[in-house]
Every structure is written in structure tokens, then in C-alpha cells.
C-alpha atoms as a PDB file:
ATOM      1  CA  GLN A   1       0.000   0.000   0.000  1.00  0.00           C
ATOM      2  CA  LEU A   2       1.244   3.423  -0.952  1.00  0.00           C
ATOM      3  CA  GLN A   3       1.699   5.783   1.983  1.00  0.00           C
ATOM      4  CA  LEU A   4       1.332   9.542   1.533  1.00  0.00           C
ATOM      5  CA  VAL A   5       2.242  12.156   4.126  1.00  0.00           C
ATOM      6  CA  GLU A   6       1.465  15.841   3.645  1.00  0.00           C
ATOM      7  CA  SER A   7       3.199  18.704   5.389  1.00  0.00           C
ATOM      8  CA  GLY A   8       3.679  22.445   5.054  1.00  0.00           C
ATOM      9  CA  GLY A   9       0.257  23.763   5.957  1.00  0.00           C
ATOM     10  CA  GLY A  10      -0.239  26.655   8.306  1.00  0.00           C
ATOM     11  CA  LEU A  11      -1.761  30.059   8.905  1.00  0.00           C
ATOM     12  CA  VAL A  12      -0.947  32.883   6.510  1.00  0.00           C
ATOM     13  CA  GLN A  13      -2.350  36.279   5.655  1.00  0.00           C
ATOM     14  CA  ALA A  14      -4.107  36.932   2.373  1.00  0.00           C
ATOM     15  CA  GLY A  15      -1.567  37.445  -0.374  1.00  0.00           C
ATOM     16  CA  GLY A  16       0.973  35.218   1.304  1.00  0.00           C
ATOM     17  CA  SER A  17       2.530  31.948   0.220  1.00  0.00           C
ATOM     18  CA  LEU A  18       2.913  28.376   1.411  1.00  0.00           C
ATOM     19  CA  ARG A  19       4.556  25.313  -0.052  1.00  0.00           C
ATOM     20  CA  LEU A  20       2.930  21.980   0.625  1.00  0.00           C
ATOM     21  CA  THR A  21       4.890  18.756   0.458  1.00  0.00           C
ATOM     22  CA  CYS A  22       3.630  15.223  -0.090  1.00  0.00           C
ATOM     23  CA  ALA A  23       6.088  12.431   0.585  1.00  0.00           C
ATOM     24  CA  ALA A  24       5.183   9.066  -0.931  1.00  0.00           C
ATOM     25  CA  SER A  25       6.548   5.675   0.016  1.00  0.00           C
ATOM     26  CA  ALA A  26       6.854   4.561  -3.610  1.00  0.00           C
ATOM     27  CA  ARG A  27       6.556   5.807  -7.165  1.00  0.00           C
ATOM     28  CA  SER A  28       3.150   6.733  -8.519  1.00  0.00           C
ATOM     29  CA  TYR A  29       2.313   7.692 -12.079  1.00  0.00           C
ATOM     30  CA  VAL A  30      -0.118  10.462 -11.163  1.00  0.00           C
ATOM     31  CA  MET A  31      -0.007  12.494  -7.990  1.00  0.00           C
ATOM     32  CA  ALA A  32      -2.511  15.185  -7.207  1.00  0.00           C
ATOM     33  CA  TRP A  33      -3.712  17.714  -4.696  1.00  0.00           C
ATOM     34  CA  PHE A  34      -7.296  18.075  -3.537  1.00  0.00           C
ATOM     35  CA  ARG A  35      -8.796  20.321  -0.903  1.00  0.00           C
ATOM     36  CA  GLN A  36     -11.898  20.370   1.225  1.00  0.00           C
ATOM     37  CA  ALA A  37     -13.326  23.374   3.027  1.00  0.00           C
ATOM     38  CA  PRO A  38     -15.799  22.987   5.904  1.00  0.00           C
ATOM     39  CA  GLY A  39     -19.263  22.147   4.627  1.00  0.00           C
ATOM     40  CA  LYS A  40     -18.096  21.719   1.040  1.00  0.00           C
ATOM     41  CA  GLU A  41     -17.251  18.769  -1.162  1.00  0.00           C
ATOM     42  CA  ARG A  42     -13.703  17.758  -1.843  1.00  0.00           C
ATOM     43  CA  GLU A  43     -12.328  19.785  -4.743  1.00  0.00           C
ATOM     44  CA  PHE A  44      -9.640  18.959  -7.258  1.00  0.00           C
ATOM     45  CA  VAL A  45      -6.733  21.397  -7.242  1.00  0.00           C
ATOM     46  CA  SER A  46      -3.951  20.082  -9.455  1.00  0.00           C
ATOM     47  CA  ARG A  47      -2.222  16.938 -10.669  1.00  0.00           C
ATOM     48  CA  ILE A  48       1.092  15.955 -12.193  1.00  0.00           C
ATOM     49  CA  THR A  49       2.203  12.831 -14.032  1.00  0.00           C
ATOM     50  CA  TYR A  50       5.480  11.034 -13.574  1.00  0.00           C
ATOM     51  CA  ASP A  51       6.885  12.677 -16.709  1.00  0.00           C
ATOM     52  CA  GLY A  52       5.883  16.150 -15.562  1.00  0.00           C
ATOM     53  CA  ASP A  53       2.609  16.867 -17.338  1.00  0.00           C
ATOM     54  CA  THR A  54       0.573  19.267 -15.207  1.00  0.00           C
ATOM     55  CA  TYR A  55      -3.050  20.268 -14.982  1.00  0.00           C
ATOM     56  CA  TYR A  56      -4.750  22.875 -12.800  1.00  0.00           C
ATOM     57  CA  SER A  57      -8.251  23.773 -11.810  1.00  0.00           C
ATOM     58  CA  GLU A  58      -9.393  27.151 -13.087  1.00  0.00           C
ATOM     59  CA  SER A  59      -9.860  28.489  -9.578  1.00  0.00           C
ATOM     60  CA  ILE A  60      -6.156  28.361  -8.774  1.00  0.00           C
ATOM     61  CA  LYS A  61      -4.527  28.580 -12.198  1.00  0.00           C
ATOM     62  CA  GLY A  62      -1.821  31.224 -12.233  1.00  0.00           C
ATOM     63  CA  ARG A  63      -1.415  31.204  -8.453  1.00  0.00           C
ATOM     64  CA  PHE A  64      -0.407  27.623  -7.618  1.00  0.00           C
ATOM     65  CA  THR A  65       2.338  25.491  -9.124  1.00  0.00           C
ATOM     66  CA  ILE A  66       2.632  21.729  -8.812  1.00  0.00           C
ATOM     67  CA  SER A  67       5.956  19.953  -9.178  1.00  0.00           C
ATOM     68  CA  ARG A  68       7.570  16.668  -8.225  1.00  0.00           C
ATOM     69  CA  ASP A  69      10.916  15.125  -7.454  1.00  0.00           C
ATOM     70  CA  ASN A  70      10.792  11.567  -8.722  1.00  0.00           C
ATOM     71  CA  ALA A  71      14.044  10.621  -7.025  1.00  0.00           C
ATOM     72  CA  LYS A  72      12.375  11.391  -3.696  1.00  0.00           C
ATOM     73  CA  ASN A  73       8.846  10.248  -4.616  1.00  0.00           C
ATOM     74  CA  THR A  74       7.708  13.682  -3.525  1.00  0.00           C
ATOM     75  CA  VAL A  75       5.221  16.181  -4.932  1.00  0.00           C
ATOM     76  CA  TYR A  76       4.967  19.855  -4.038  1.00  0.00           C
ATOM     77  CA  LEU A  77       2.326  22.520  -4.289  1.00  0.00           C
ATOM     78  CA  GLN A  78       3.616  26.077  -4.283  1.00  0.00           C
ATOM     79  CA  MET A  79       0.732  28.313  -3.273  1.00  0.00           C
ATOM     80  CA  ASN A  80       1.042  32.039  -3.955  1.00  0.00           C
ATOM     81  CA  LEU A  81      -1.339  34.974  -3.685  1.00  0.00           C
ATOM     82  CA  LEU A  82      -3.403  33.036  -1.209  1.00  0.00           C
ATOM     83  CA  LYS A  83      -6.990  34.076  -0.595  1.00  0.00           C
ATOM     84  CA  PRO A  84      -9.312  33.363   2.329  1.00  0.00           C
ATOM     85  CA  ASP A  85     -11.301  31.110  -0.025  1.00  0.00           C
ATOM     86  CA  ASP A  86      -8.234  28.876  -0.258  1.00  0.00           C
ATOM     87  CA  THR A  87      -8.726  27.902   3.376  1.00  0.00           C
ATOM     88  CA  ALA A  88      -9.202  24.137   3.477  1.00  0.00           C
ATOM     89  CA  ILE A  89      -7.635  20.852   4.365  1.00  0.00           C
ATOM     90  CA  TYR A  90      -5.330  19.926   1.510  1.00  0.00           C
ATOM     91  CA  TYR A  91      -4.937  16.259   0.626  1.00  0.00           C
ATOM     92  CA  CYS A  92      -2.367  14.500  -1.472  1.00  0.00           C
ATOM     93  CA  ALA A  93      -3.583  11.650  -3.675  1.00  0.00           C
ATOM     94  CA  ALA A  94      -1.966   9.110  -5.960  1.00  0.00           C
ATOM     95  CA  THR A  95      -2.938   6.511  -8.521  1.00  0.00           C
ATOM     96  CA  SER A  96      -2.030   2.840  -8.408  1.00  0.00           C
ATOM     97  CA  GLY A  97      -0.156   1.603 -11.437  1.00  0.00           C
ATOM     98  CA  ARG A  98      -1.940   2.757 -14.579  1.00  0.00           C
ATOM     99  CA  GLN A  99      -5.396   2.803 -13.035  1.00  0.00           C
ATOM    100  CA  PRO A 100      -7.076   6.224 -13.302  1.00  0.00           C
ATOM    101  CA  ALA A 101      -8.602   6.308  -9.835  1.00  0.00           C
ATOM    102  CA  TYR A 102      -6.904   7.994  -6.919  1.00  0.00           C
ATOM    103  CA  ASP A 103      -6.705   5.003  -4.608  1.00  0.00           C
ATOM    104  CA  PHE A 104      -4.246   6.405  -2.097  1.00  0.00           C
ATOM    105  CA  TRP A 105      -4.688   9.462   0.091  1.00  0.00           C
ATOM    106  CA  GLY A 106      -2.727  11.280   2.725  1.00  0.00           C
ATOM    107  CA  GLN A 107      -4.030  12.469   6.063  1.00  0.00           C
ATOM    108  CA  GLY A 108      -4.318  16.093   4.987  1.00  0.00           C
ATOM    109  CA  THR A 109      -2.708  19.337   6.071  1.00  0.00           C
ATOM    110  CA  GLN A 110      -4.612  22.434   7.169  1.00  0.00           C
ATOM    111  CA  VAL A 111      -4.200  25.687   5.261  1.00  0.00           C
ATOM    112  CA  THR A 112      -5.806  28.761   6.795  1.00  0.00           C
ATOM    113  CA  VAL A 113      -5.705  32.150   5.068  1.00  0.00           C
ATOM    114  CA  SER A 114      -6.730  35.167   7.104  1.00  0.00           C
ATOM    115  CA  SER A 115      -8.052  38.412   5.687  1.00  0.00           C
END
């Protein structure tokens, strides 16, 4: 079973930045970030393939950047120009083999953006 551990969350003021880290126990073809705010459904944020192809949701495009270090089985989410609406628990997810579903999830890390 693939283990994912997120870190890097915290409290920042609007306009600030955070970098989230997801450390995986093994290689995964697709790694992604999701987030969930209180009372809302889990929302897709961004994903990256093993060869570096990236995709972003429209809500964060231009502000967040996803990247990965395959040698470390680690994915990052650089979050800039943070807004209060970005406040959520951020989860790392990964696929298993070539299956499209995100079968593995981390425990989440809290991001809080104050106005």
C-alpha cells in the first residue's frame, strides 16, 4: 500500500505563500492535490504525471504550481497569492499503477488564510 504524508500547511495572511509537500513511500504515475473546506465537497486542485505533465483547476490557475521530485517520490504545491477562499484541508492523492482512480490518500494538512 502506498503511503502519503502531507506537510507544510499553516496560517498565513491573504496574499501570502505556502509550499505543501507530499512524501510518498513509492513511485506513482499520477499524484494530485485536492482540498476540502468545511461544509463543502472535496475539490480537485492540481495533478502531475510522472513525466511532468501538469493540470490545474481554473480556480487556482496562475497562483499555484505543482511539481515533483521523482528521485524522492515527492510532490509539491507552491501556493502564492493566497486568498481566504483557499482555506481548506489539503490532501495529497496518488494513482495505483496505470489505473485512473486515486486510490491512495494522505491524512491532509490544514491551510488557513486570514483576511
